[in-house]
């Protein structure tokens, strides 16, 4: 029974590692470096913190005179 539990634990770890590797590949392709730094800093933050980060980014866009983005992601 213990080997069954460790097998299922390992498959979850493998899936997680695959997801992290794919995310890292995407993140590393970002340009410029400041965007890469921002994404690396945000990875792992809870949803509430990411929402606060998005609010700050919206405020910065307004200060810079950039158009506001659709908050629905569409």
C-alpha atoms as a PDB file:
ATOM      1  CA  UNK A   1       0.000   0.000   0.000  1.00  0.00           C
ATOM      2  CA  UNK A   2       2.786   2.424   0.773  1.00  0.00           C
ATOM      3  CA  UNK A   3       4.221   1.998  -2.713  1.00  0.00           C
ATOM      4  CA  UNK A   4       0.823   2.899  -4.189  1.00  0.00           C
ATOM      5  CA  UNK A   5       0.705   6.092  -2.174  1.00  0.00           C
ATOM      6  CA  UNK A   6       4.217   7.073  -3.149  1.00  0.00           C
ATOM      7  CA  UNK A   7       3.407   6.392  -6.813  1.00  0.00           C
ATOM      8  CA  UNK A   8       0.447   8.735  -6.775  1.00  0.00           C
ATOM      9  CA  UNK A   9       2.518  11.315  -4.902  1.00  0.00           C
ATOM     10  CA  UNK A  10       5.231  11.052  -7.542  1.00  0.00           C
ATOM     11  CA  UNK A  11       2.777  11.497 -10.401  1.00  0.00           C
ATOM     12  CA  UNK A  12       1.539  14.706  -8.796  1.00  0.00           C
ATOM     13  CA  UNK A  13       5.132  15.867  -8.445  1.00  0.00           C
ATOM     14  CA  UNK A  14       5.822  15.021 -12.083  1.00  0.00           C
ATOM     15  CA  UNK A  15       2.773  16.979 -13.237  1.00  0.00           C
ATOM     16  CA  UNK A  16       3.814  19.929 -11.089  1.00  0.00           C
ATOM     17  CA  UNK A  17       7.370  19.826 -12.466  1.00  0.00           C
ATOM     18  CA  UNK A  18       6.051  19.689 -16.026  1.00  0.00           C
ATOM     19  CA  UNK A  19       3.823  22.702 -15.366  1.00  0.00           C
ATOM     20  CA  UNK A  20       6.640  24.654 -13.733  1.00  0.00           C
ATOM     21  CA  UNK A  21       9.006  23.847 -16.614  1.00  0.00           C
ATOM     22  CA  UNK A  22       6.455  25.047 -19.166  1.00  0.00           C
ATOM     23  CA  UNK A  23       5.780  28.207 -17.160  1.00  0.00           C
ATOM     24  CA  UNK A  24       9.501  28.897 -16.825  1.00  0.00           C
ATOM     25  CA  UNK A  25      10.023  28.481 -20.571  1.00  0.00           C
ATOM     26  CA  UNK A  26       7.258  30.996 -21.242  1.00  0.00           C
ATOM     27  CA  UNK A  27       8.535  33.444 -18.633  1.00  0.00           C
ATOM     28  CA  UNK A  28      12.132  33.251 -19.872  1.00  0.00           C
ATOM     29  CA  UNK A  29      10.980  34.232 -23.355  1.00  0.00           C
ATOM     30  CA  UNK A  30       9.591  37.551 -22.161  1.00  0.00           C
ATOM     31  CA  UNK A  31      11.218  40.796 -23.219  1.00  0.00           C
ATOM     32  CA  UNK A  32      12.289  43.274 -21.954  1.00  0.00           C
ATOM     33  CA  UNK A  33      14.106  42.123 -18.835  1.00  0.00           C
ATOM     34  CA  UNK A  34      11.942  44.363 -16.647  1.00  0.00           C
ATOM     35  CA  UNK A  35       8.834  42.427 -17.715  1.00  0.00           C
ATOM     36  CA  UNK A  36      10.617  39.161 -17.000  1.00  0.00           C
ATOM     37  CA  UNK A  37      11.537  40.459 -13.534  1.00  0.00           C
ATOM     38  CA  UNK A  38       7.944  41.508 -12.858  1.00  0.00           C
ATOM     39  CA  UNK A  39       6.535  38.112 -13.845  1.00  0.00           C
ATOM     40  CA  UNK A  40       9.157  36.205 -11.839  1.00  0.00           C
ATOM     41  CA  UNK A  41       8.323  38.343  -8.814  1.00  0.00           C
ATOM     42  CA  UNK A  42       4.586  37.727  -9.220  1.00  0.00           C
ATOM     43  CA  UNK A  43       4.809  33.941  -9.664  1.00  0.00           C
ATOM     44  CA  UNK A  44       3.440  32.191  -6.596  1.00  0.00           C
ATOM     45  CA  UNK A  45       1.577  35.175  -5.191  1.00  0.00           C
ATOM     46  CA  UNK A  46      -1.985  34.500  -4.047  1.00  0.00           C
ATOM     47  CA  UNK A  47      -4.885  35.694  -6.212  1.00  0.00           C
ATOM     48  CA  UNK A  48      -5.587  38.658  -3.928  1.00  0.00           C
ATOM     49  CA  UNK A  49      -2.008  39.918  -4.251  1.00  0.00           C
ATOM     50  CA  UNK A  50      -2.108  39.471  -8.039  1.00  0.00           C
ATOM     51  CA  UNK A  51      -5.291  41.546  -8.159  1.00  0.00           C
ATOM     52  CA  UNK A  52      -3.591  44.324  -6.177  1.00  0.00           C
ATOM     53  CA  UNK A  53      -0.650  44.157  -8.579  1.00  0.00           C
ATOM     54  CA  UNK A  54      -3.031  44.520 -11.535  1.00  0.00           C
ATOM     55  CA  UNK A  55      -4.675  47.551  -9.897  1.00  0.00           C
ATOM     56  CA  UNK A  56      -1.276  49.212  -9.453  1.00  0.00           C
ATOM     57  CA  UNK A  57      -0.371  48.423 -13.071  1.00  0.00           C
ATOM     58  CA  UNK A  58      -3.657  50.017 -14.231  1.00  0.00           C
ATOM     59  CA  UNK A  59      -2.812  53.157 -12.232  1.00  0.00           C
ATOM     60  CA  UNK A  60       0.672  53.268 -13.743  1.00  0.00           C
ATOM     61  CA  UNK A  61      -0.804  52.945 -17.246  1.00  0.00           C
ATOM     62  CA  UNK A  62      -3.051  55.941 -16.534  1.00  0.00           C
ATOM     63  CA  UNK A  63      -0.123  58.020 -15.244  1.00  0.00           C
ATOM     64  CA  UNK A  64       1.861  57.152 -18.383  1.00  0.00           C
ATOM     65  CA  UNK A  65      -1.072  58.130 -20.620  1.00  0.00           C
ATOM     66  CA  UNK A  66      -1.569  54.580 -21.895  1.00  0.00           C
ATOM     67  CA  UNK A  67      -5.062  53.299 -22.692  1.00  0.00           C
ATOM     68  CA  UNK A  68      -6.809  51.222 -20.062  1.00  0.00           C
ATOM     69  CA  UNK A  69      -7.034  47.511 -20.801  1.00  0.00           C
ATOM     70  CA  UNK A  70     -10.146  45.375 -20.613  1.00  0.00           C
ATOM     71  CA  UNK A  71     -10.028  43.798 -17.156  1.00  0.00           C
ATOM     72  CA  UNK A  72     -11.880  40.652 -18.321  1.00  0.00           C
ATOM     73  CA  UNK A  73      -8.860  39.480 -20.316  1.00  0.00           C
ATOM     74  CA  UNK A  74     -10.823  39.413 -23.597  1.00  0.00           C
END
